[in-house]
C-alpha atoms as a PDB file:
ATOM      1  CA  UNK A   1     -34.665 -43.982   8.797  1.00  0.00           C
ATOM      2  CA  UNK A   2     -30.920 -44.361   9.044  1.00  0.00           C
ATOM      3  CA  UNK A   3     -29.397 -40.748   9.645  1.00  0.00           C
ATOM      4  CA  UNK A   4     -26.065 -41.952  11.259  1.00  0.00           C
ATOM      5  CA  UNK A   5     -24.033 -42.197   8.411  1.00  0.00           C
ATOM      6  CA  UNK A   6     -25.202 -38.558   8.259  1.00  0.00           C
ATOM      7  CA  UNK A   7     -24.595 -37.355  12.105  1.00  0.00           C
ATOM      8  CA  UNK A   8     -21.924 -39.278  12.301  1.00  0.00           C
ATOM      9  CA  UNK A   9     -18.404 -39.503  12.138  1.00  0.00           C
ATOM     10  CA  UNK A  10     -17.895 -41.929  10.028  1.00  0.00           C
ATOM     11  CA  UNK A  11     -19.318 -39.380   6.877  1.00  0.00           C
ATOM     12  CA  UNK A  12     -17.020 -36.323   8.189  1.00  0.00           C
ATOM     13  CA  UNK A  13     -13.716 -38.458   7.114  1.00  0.00           C
ATOM     14  CA  UNK A  14     -14.658 -38.015   3.705  1.00  0.00           C
ATOM     15  CA  UNK A  15     -14.394 -34.275   3.983  1.00  0.00           C
ATOM     16  CA  UNK A  16     -11.236 -34.403   4.712  1.00  0.00           C
ATOM     17  CA  UNK A  17      -8.678 -31.771   2.911  1.00  0.00           C
ATOM     18  CA  UNK A  18      -5.089 -33.157   3.568  1.00  0.00           C
ATOM     19  CA  UNK A  19      -1.945 -30.357   4.032  1.00  0.00           C
ATOM     20  CA  UNK A  20      -0.727 -29.705   1.342  1.00  0.00           C
ATOM     21  CA  UNK A  21       2.170 -27.851   3.351  1.00  0.00           C
ATOM     22  CA  UNK A  22       4.659 -30.542   2.252  1.00  0.00           C
ATOM     23  CA  UNK A  23       6.209 -29.746  -1.496  1.00  0.00           C
ATOM     24  CA  UNK A  24       6.858 -26.410  -0.300  1.00  0.00           C
ATOM     25  CA  UNK A  25       9.555 -27.340   3.045  1.00  0.00           C
ATOM     26  CA  UNK A  26      10.904 -29.765   0.963  1.00  0.00           C
ATOM     27  CA  UNK A  27      11.440 -26.441  -1.941  1.00  0.00           C
ATOM     28  CA  UNK A  28      12.987 -24.609   0.811  1.00  0.00           C
ATOM     29  CA  UNK A  29      14.752 -27.282   2.953  1.00  0.00           C
ATOM     30  CA  UNK A  30      16.063 -28.023  -1.151  1.00  0.00           C
ATOM     31  CA  UNK A  31      16.811 -23.672  -1.233  1.00  0.00           C
ATOM     32  CA  UNK A  32      18.167 -23.627   1.708  1.00  0.00           C
ATOM     33  CA  UNK A  33      20.971 -26.711   0.953  1.00  0.00           C
ATOM     34  CA  UNK A  34      21.693 -25.342  -2.722  1.00  0.00           C
ATOM     35  CA  UNK A  35      22.288 -22.368  -1.396  1.00  0.00           C
ATOM     36  CA  UNK A  36      24.988 -23.868   1.472  1.00  0.00           C
ATOM     37  CA  UNK A  37      26.706 -25.989  -0.804  1.00  0.00           C
ATOM     38  CA  UNK A  38      27.478 -23.300  -3.291  1.00  0.00           C
ATOM     39  CA  UNK A  39      28.900 -21.109  -0.689  1.00  0.00           C
ATOM     40  CA  UNK A  40      31.051 -24.019   0.459  1.00  0.00           C
ATOM     41  CA  UNK A  41      31.999 -25.006  -3.514  1.00  0.00           C
ATOM     42  CA  UNK A  42      33.182 -21.040  -4.477  1.00  0.00           C
ATOM     43  CA  UNK A  43      34.875 -21.064  -0.921  1.00  0.00           C
ATOM     44  CA  UNK A  44      36.841 -24.455  -1.860  1.00  0.00           C
ATOM     45  CA  UNK A  45      37.813 -23.689  -5.516  1.00  0.00           C
ATOM     46  CA  UNK A  46      37.599 -19.654  -6.219  1.00  0.00           C
ATOM     47  CA  UNK A  47      41.179 -19.119  -7.078  1.00  0.00           C
ATOM     48  CA  UNK A  48      41.839 -15.592  -3.937  1.00  0.00           C
ATOM     49  CA  UNK A  49      41.198 -12.609  -6.541  1.00  0.00           C
ATOM     50  CA  UNK A  50      37.704 -14.126  -6.924  1.00  0.00           C
ATOM     51  CA  UNK A  51      36.886 -14.903  -3.614  1.00  0.00           C
ATOM     52  CA  UNK A  52      35.662 -11.318  -2.781  1.00  0.00           C
ATOM     53  CA  UNK A  53      33.657 -11.379  -6.065  1.00  0.00           C
ATOM     54  CA  UNK A  54      32.472 -15.731  -4.454  1.00  0.00           C
ATOM     55  CA  UNK A  55      31.234 -13.292  -0.875  1.00  0.00           C
ATOM     56  CA  UNK A  56      29.454 -10.818  -2.611  1.00  0.00           C
ATOM     57  CA  UNK A  57      27.688 -13.489  -4.777  1.00  0.00           C
ATOM     58  CA  UNK A  58      26.695 -15.021  -1.396  1.00  0.00           C
ATOM     59  CA  UNK A  59      24.760 -12.018  -0.137  1.00  0.00           C
ATOM     60  CA  UNK A  60      22.894 -12.042  -2.974  1.00  0.00           C
ATOM     61  CA  UNK A  61      22.019 -15.362  -2.637  1.00  0.00           C
ATOM     62  CA  UNK A  62      21.225 -14.427   1.021  1.00  0.00           C
ATOM     63  CA  UNK A  63      18.194 -12.167   0.063  1.00  0.00           C
ATOM     64  CA  UNK A  64      17.125 -14.202  -2.291  1.00  0.00           C
ATOM     65  CA  UNK A  65      16.679 -17.075   0.289  1.00  0.00           C
ATOM     66  CA  UNK A  66      14.859 -14.158   2.459  1.00  0.00           C
ATOM     67  CA  UNK A  67      12.654 -12.860  -0.128  1.00  0.00           C
ATOM     68  CA  UNK A  68      11.242 -16.758  -0.268  1.00  0.00           C
ATOM     69  CA  UNK A  69      11.102 -17.019   3.032  1.00  0.00           C
ATOM     70  CA  UNK A  70       8.949 -14.557   3.536  1.00  0.00           C
ATOM     71  CA  UNK A  71       6.832 -15.703   0.256  1.00  0.00           C
ATOM     72  CA  UNK A  72       7.065 -18.966   2.139  1.00  0.00           C
ATOM     73  CA  UNK A  73       5.912 -18.143   5.398  1.00  0.00           C
ATOM     74  CA  UNK A  74       2.808 -16.516   4.308  1.00  0.00           C
ATOM     75  CA  UNK A  75       2.019 -19.924   2.247  1.00  0.00           C
ATOM     76  CA  UNK A  76       2.205 -21.331   5.443  1.00  0.00           C
ATOM     77  CA  UNK A  77       0.072 -19.955   7.414  1.00  0.00           C
ATOM     78  CA  UNK A  78      -2.482 -19.914   4.862  1.00  0.00           C
ATOM     79  CA  UNK A  79      -2.234 -23.629   4.416  1.00  0.00           C
ATOM     80  CA  UNK A  80      -2.954 -23.680   8.850  1.00  0.00           C
ATOM     81  CA  UNK A  81      -5.619 -20.821   9.059  1.00  0.00           C
ATOM     82  CA  UNK A  82      -7.580 -23.262   6.908  1.00  0.00           C
ATOM     83  CA  UNK A  83      -6.558 -26.126   8.223  1.00  0.00           C
ATOM     84  CA  UNK A  84      -7.544 -24.316  12.332  1.00  0.00           C
ATOM     85  CA  UNK A  85     -11.063 -23.485   9.955  1.00  0.00           C
ATOM     86  CA  UNK A  86     -10.987 -26.714   9.280  1.00  0.00           C
ATOM     87  CA  UNK A  87     -11.664 -27.798  12.853  1.00  0.00           C
ATOM     88  CA  UNK A  88      -7.908 -29.258  12.941  1.00  0.00           C
ATOM     89  CA  UNK A  89      -7.158 -27.338  16.539  1.00  0.00           C
ATOM     90  CA  UNK A  90      -4.689 -29.223  18.225  1.00  0.00           C
ATOM     91  CA  UNK A  91      -2.184 -30.346  14.858  1.00  0.00           C
ATOM     92  CA  UNK A  92      -2.094 -26.438  14.032  1.00  0.00           C
ATOM     93  CA  UNK A  93      -1.255 -25.004  17.955  1.00  0.00           C
ATOM     94  CA  UNK A  94       1.270 -28.437  17.497  1.00  0.00           C
ATOM     95  CA  UNK A  95       3.128 -27.686  14.892  1.00  0.00           C
ATOM     96  CA  UNK A  96       3.251 -23.515  15.145  1.00  0.00           C
ATOM     97  CA  UNK A  97       7.909 -23.438  15.764  1.00  0.00           C
ATOM     98  CA  UNK A  98       8.135 -26.025  12.733  1.00  0.00           C
ATOM     99  CA  UNK A  99       6.217 -23.103  10.669  1.00  0.00           C
ATOM    100  CA  UNK A 100       7.359 -20.165  12.695  1.00  0.00           C
ATOM    101  CA  UNK A 101      11.111 -20.824  13.081  1.00  0.00           C
ATOM    102  CA  UNK A 102      11.928 -20.290   9.655  1.00  0.00           C
ATOM    103  CA  UNK A 103      11.292 -16.811   8.657  1.00  0.00           C
ATOM    104  CA  UNK A 104      12.508 -15.768  12.297  1.00  0.00           C
ATOM    105  CA  UNK A 105      16.245 -17.930  12.056  1.00  0.00           C
ATOM    106  CA  UNK A 106      16.782 -17.290   8.177  1.00  0.00           C
ATOM    107  CA  UNK A 107      15.953 -13.378   9.545  1.00  0.00           C
ATOM    108  CA  UNK A 108      17.869 -13.591  12.041  1.00  0.00           C
ATOM    109  CA  UNK A 109      20.586 -14.379  10.088  1.00  0.00           C
ATOM    110  CA  UNK A 110      21.174 -12.846   8.212  1.00  0.00           C
ATOM    111  CA  UNK A 111      20.758  -9.421   9.824  1.00  0.00           C
ATOM    112  CA  UNK A 112      23.721 -11.618  11.846  1.00  0.00           C
ATOM    113  CA  UNK A 113      25.505 -11.731   8.605  1.00  0.00           C
ATOM    114  CA  UNK A 114      25.016  -8.382   7.618  1.00  0.00           C
ATOM    115  CA  UNK A 115      25.942  -6.808  11.071  1.00  0.00           C
ATOM    116  CA  UNK A 116      29.506  -8.904  10.895  1.00  0.00           C
ATOM    117  CA  UNK A 117      29.622  -7.032   7.325  1.00  0.00           C
ATOM    118  CA  UNK A 118      28.629  -3.090   8.423  1.00  0.00           C
ATOM    119  CA  UNK A 119      31.353  -4.140  11.125  1.00  0.00           C
ATOM    120  CA  UNK A 120      34.116  -5.478   8.676  1.00  0.00           C
ATOM    121  CA  UNK A 121      33.479  -2.168   6.525  1.00  0.00           C
ATOM    122  CA  UNK A 122      33.764   0.270   9.059  1.00  0.00           C
ATOM    123  CA  UNK A 123      36.546  -1.342  10.695  1.00  0.00           C
ATOM    124  CA  UNK A 124      39.116  -2.608   7.411  1.00  0.00           C
ATOM    125  CA  UNK A 125      37.611   0.619   5.583  1.00  0.00           C
ATOM    126  CA  UNK A 126      39.283   1.529   2.059  1.00  0.00           C
ATOM    127  CA  UNK A 127      41.696  -2.124   2.906  1.00  0.00           C
ATOM    128  CA  UNK A 128      38.868  -4.101   3.077  1.00  0.00           C
ATOM    129  CA  UNK A 129      39.977  -6.076  -0.653  1.00  0.00           C
ATOM    130  CA  UNK A 130      42.800  -6.524   0.627  1.00  0.00           C
ATOM    131  CA  UNK A 131      40.979  -8.640   3.819  1.00  0.00           C
ATOM    132  CA  UNK A 132      38.534 -10.403   1.757  1.00  0.00           C
ATOM    133  CA  UNK A 133      41.026 -12.397  -0.312  1.00  0.00           C
ATOM    134  CA  UNK A 134      42.941 -13.931   2.915  1.00  0.00           C
ATOM    135  CA  UNK A 135      42.348 -17.334   2.897  1.00  0.00           C
ATOM    136  CA  UNK A 136      40.705 -19.695   6.191  1.00  0.00           C
ATOM    137  CA  UNK A 137      39.887 -16.040   7.138  1.00  0.00           C
ATOM    138  CA  UNK A 138      38.360 -14.772   4.441  1.00  0.00           C
ATOM    139  CA  UNK A 139      34.614 -13.312   4.315  1.00  0.00           C
ATOM    140  CA  UNK A 140      33.379 -16.110   1.890  1.00  0.00           C
ATOM    141  CA  UNK A 141      34.564 -18.477   4.514  1.00  0.00           C
ATOM    142  CA  UNK A 142      32.055 -17.771   8.004  1.00  0.00           C
ATOM    143  CA  UNK A 143      28.952 -16.549   5.385  1.00  0.00           C
ATOM    144  CA  UNK A 144      29.443 -20.152   4.405  1.00  0.00           C
ATOM    145  CA  UNK A 145      29.547 -21.832   7.318  1.00  0.00           C
ATOM    146  CA  UNK A 146      26.606 -19.391   8.870  1.00  0.00           C
ATOM    147  CA  UNK A 147      25.139 -21.009   5.354  1.00  0.00           C
ATOM    148  CA  UNK A 148      25.375 -24.394   6.534  1.00  0.00           C
ATOM    149  CA  UNK A 149      24.685 -24.493  10.140  1.00  0.00           C
ATOM    150  CA  UNK A 150      21.222 -22.908   9.093  1.00  0.00           C
ATOM    151  CA  UNK A 151      20.768 -25.671   6.902  1.00  0.00           C
ATOM    152  CA  UNK A 152      21.188 -28.004   9.389  1.00  0.00           C
ATOM    153  CA  UNK A 153      19.179 -26.621  11.710  1.00  0.00           C
ATOM    154  CA  UNK A 154      16.855 -25.749   9.037  1.00  0.00           C
ATOM    155  CA  UNK A 155      16.995 -30.118   7.545  1.00  0.00           C
ATOM    156  CA  UNK A 156      15.841 -31.214  11.449  1.00  0.00           C
ATOM    157  CA  UNK A 157      13.374 -29.112  11.918  1.00  0.00           C
ATOM    158  CA  UNK A 158      11.551 -29.205   8.042  1.00  0.00           C
ATOM    159  CA  UNK A 159      11.896 -33.580   9.106  1.00  0.00           C
ATOM    160  CA  UNK A 160      10.502 -33.454  11.820  1.00  0.00           C
ATOM    161  CA  UNK A 161       7.472 -31.284   9.747  1.00  0.00           C
ATOM    162  CA  UNK A 162       7.274 -33.417   7.121  1.00  0.00           C
ATOM    163  CA  UNK A 163       7.347 -36.547   9.397  1.00  0.00           C
ATOM    164  CA  UNK A 164       4.214 -34.971  11.544  1.00  0.00           C
ATOM    165  CA  UNK A 165       2.795 -34.038   8.540  1.00  0.00           C
ATOM    166  CA  UNK A 166       2.217 -36.907   6.636  1.00  0.00           C
ATOM    167  CA  UNK A 167       1.559 -39.044   9.575  1.00  0.00           C
ATOM    168  CA  UNK A 168      -2.028 -36.816   9.965  1.00  0.00           C
ATOM    169  CA  UNK A 169      -2.547 -36.549   6.139  1.00  0.00           C
ATOM    170  CA  UNK A 170      -1.833 -40.944   5.813  1.00  0.00           C
ATOM    171  CA  UNK A 171      -4.539 -40.961   9.408  1.00  0.00           C
ATOM    172  CA  UNK A 172      -7.189 -38.666   7.533  1.00  0.00           C
ATOM    173  CA  UNK A 173      -8.323 -37.773  11.297  1.00  0.00           C
ATOM    174  CA  UNK A 174     -11.731 -36.665  11.875  1.00  0.00           C
ATOM    175  CA  UNK A 175     -12.200 -33.304  13.205  1.00  0.00           C
ATOM    176  CA  UNK A 176     -11.185 -32.374  17.032  1.00  0.00           C
ATOM    177  CA  UNK A 177     -14.267 -31.562  18.009  1.00  0.00           C
ATOM    178  CA  UNK A 178     -16.156 -33.960  16.814  1.00  0.00           C
ATOM    179  CA  UNK A 179     -13.410 -37.240  17.982  1.00  0.00           C
ATOM    180  CA  UNK A 180     -13.621 -34.765  21.778  1.00  0.00           C
ATOM    181  CA  UNK A 181     -10.663 -33.978  22.116  1.00  0.00           C
ATOM    182  CA  UNK A 182     -11.763 -30.877  23.964  1.00  0.00           C
ATOM    183  CA  UNK A 183     -11.289 -31.947  28.188  1.00  0.00           C
ATOM    184  CA  UNK A 184     -14.633 -32.448  30.167  1.00  0.00           C
ATOM    185  CA  UNK A 185     -17.143 -33.072  28.170  1.00  0.00           C
ATOM    186  CA  UNK A 186     -15.814 -30.510  25.297  1.00  0.00           C
ATOM    187  CA  UNK A 187     -16.181 -27.013  27.555  1.00  0.00           C
ATOM    188  CA  UNK A 188     -12.951 -26.093  24.969  1.00  0.00           C
ATOM    189  CA  UNK A 189     -10.754 -26.041  28.382  1.00  0.00           C
ATOM    190  CA  UNK A 190     -12.395 -23.320  29.924  1.00  0.00           C
ATOM    191  CA  UNK A 191     -12.382 -25.601  34.138  1.00  0.00           C
ATOM    192  CA  UNK A 192      -8.185 -26.472  33.249  1.00  0.00           C
ATOM    193  CA  UNK A 193      -6.233 -24.423  36.267  1.00  0.00           C
ATOM    194  CA  UNK A 194      -3.726 -23.048  34.980  1.00  0.00           C
ATOM    195  CA  UNK A 195      -4.323 -22.260  31.329  1.00  0.00           C
ATOM    196  CA  UNK A 196      -3.555 -19.383  29.061  1.00  0.00           C
ATOM    197  CA  UNK A 197      -7.137 -16.985  28.946  1.00  0.00           C
ATOM    198  CA  UNK A 198      -5.551 -15.806  25.494  1.00  0.00           C
ATOM    199  CA  UNK A 199      -5.272 -19.437  24.217  1.00  0.00           C
ATOM    200  CA  UNK A 200      -8.725 -21.038  25.098  1.00  0.00           C
ATOM    201  CA  UNK A 201     -10.082 -18.311  23.889  1.00  0.00           C
ATOM    202  CA  UNK A 202      -8.939 -18.457  20.148  1.00  0.00           C
ATOM    203  CA  UNK A 203     -10.312 -21.994  20.384  1.00  0.00           C
ATOM    204  CA  UNK A 204     -13.363 -21.459  22.025  1.00  0.00           C
ATOM    205  CA  UNK A 205     -13.480 -19.083  19.015  1.00  0.00           C
ATOM    206  CA  UNK A 206     -12.005 -21.733  16.995  1.00  0.00           C
ATOM    207  CA  UNK A 207     -14.442 -24.319  17.342  1.00  0.00           C
ATOM    208  CA  UNK A 208     -17.362 -21.876  17.647  1.00  0.00           C
ATOM    209  CA  UNK A 209     -16.764 -21.106  13.604  1.00  0.00           C
ATOM    210  CA  UNK A 210     -16.423 -24.763  13.015  1.00  0.00           C
ATOM    211  CA  UNK A 211     -19.041 -26.088  14.895  1.00  0.00           C
ATOM    212  CA  UNK A 212     -21.667 -22.731  13.268  1.00  0.00           C
ATOM    213  CA  UNK A 213     -19.981 -24.958   9.686  1.00  0.00           C
ATOM    214  CA  UNK A 214     -20.122 -28.020  10.818  1.00  0.00           C
ATOM    215  CA  UNK A 215     -24.382 -27.184  11.575  1.00  0.00           C
ATOM    216  CA  UNK A 216     -24.839 -25.418   8.432  1.00  0.00           C
ATOM    217  CA  UNK A 217     -23.665 -28.532   6.149  1.00  0.00           C
ATOM    218  CA  UNK A 218     -25.772 -30.797   8.353  1.00  0.00           C
ATOM    219  CA  UNK A 219     -28.801 -28.033   8.180  1.00  0.00           C
ATOM    220  CA  UNK A 220     -27.856 -28.560   3.840  1.00  0.00           C
ATOM    221  CA  UNK A 221     -28.232 -32.565   3.990  1.00  0.00           C
ATOM    222  CA  UNK A 222     -31.464 -32.989   5.751  1.00  0.00           C
ATOM    223  CA  UNK A 223     -32.658 -30.812   3.554  1.00  0.00           C
ATOM    224  CA  UNK A 224     -32.025 -32.775   1.041  1.00  0.00           C
ATOM    225  CA  UNK A 225     -32.507 -36.179   2.024  1.00  0.00           C
ATOM    226  CA  UNK A 226     -36.020 -34.313   2.913  1.00  0.00           C
ATOM    227  CA  UNK A 227     -36.973 -33.657  -0.531  1.00  0.00           C
ATOM    228  CA  UNK A 228     -35.721 -37.316  -1.393  1.00  0.00           C
ATOM    229  CA  UNK A 229     -37.692 -38.602   0.847  1.00  0.00           C
ATOM    230  CA  UNK A 230     -40.833 -35.970  -0.494  1.00  0.00           C
ATOM    231  CA  UNK A 231     -40.175 -37.640  -3.916  1.00  0.00           C
ATOM    232  CA  UNK A 232     -39.825 -41.187  -3.176  1.00  0.00           C
ATOM    233  CA  UNK A 233     -42.660 -40.625  -0.952  1.00  0.00           C
ATOM    234  CA  UNK A 234     -45.290 -38.817  -2.885  1.00  0.00           C
ATOM    235  CA  UNK A 235     -47.392 -40.581  -4.857  1.00  0.00           C
ATOM    236  CA  UNK A 236     -46.698 -39.136  -8.606  1.00  0.00           C
ATOM    237  CA  UNK A 237     -50.600 -37.257 -10.062  1.00  0.00           C
END
């Protein structure tokens, strides 16, 4: 009996589960683009007596965008943790920056905007409303500029990430352990010099969890095949 389809690598490719984070990244980038476009549009179109209203509307939009980014961050981390448990440790680590930067960037940008708002409110006091409508130097201009720069950075990060994920899903690779990508005969990097101990231990734990799950699936498949063989070879009573 040929057990190659069971124990070989070809069968595993059929169980490949694509990483479904492209829609989340696309939606996040689209929302950032819309907020920036709204800000620029209000800065250019709104009359001077409406610039304060436009500014505070942008602050509300920024707050909403932060909540959306928080949910986006949790969704992406969930899918990447699943990917890691399925044995794709290298790709999980290779995209760490791409999935971590968006939340950090939006949080940093909002913190900067809120800090500037607090400084302006403290400095101008009751006269803040008058300075709020000062043409090019009005707050709606700077908050729109902040949002536009943020969108540009996110476009680069999200674009690179989406491209990598699409290539990954199209390639449908085997898990790292079955492709033999670990150095020194699957030693999980324990003999690598100048290696980060925490990263090595995490990588080892991920690999052990994957191999345990893989071994369970193989045992189940072998039991199924043994049952099929007995059904075929045993004569009917």
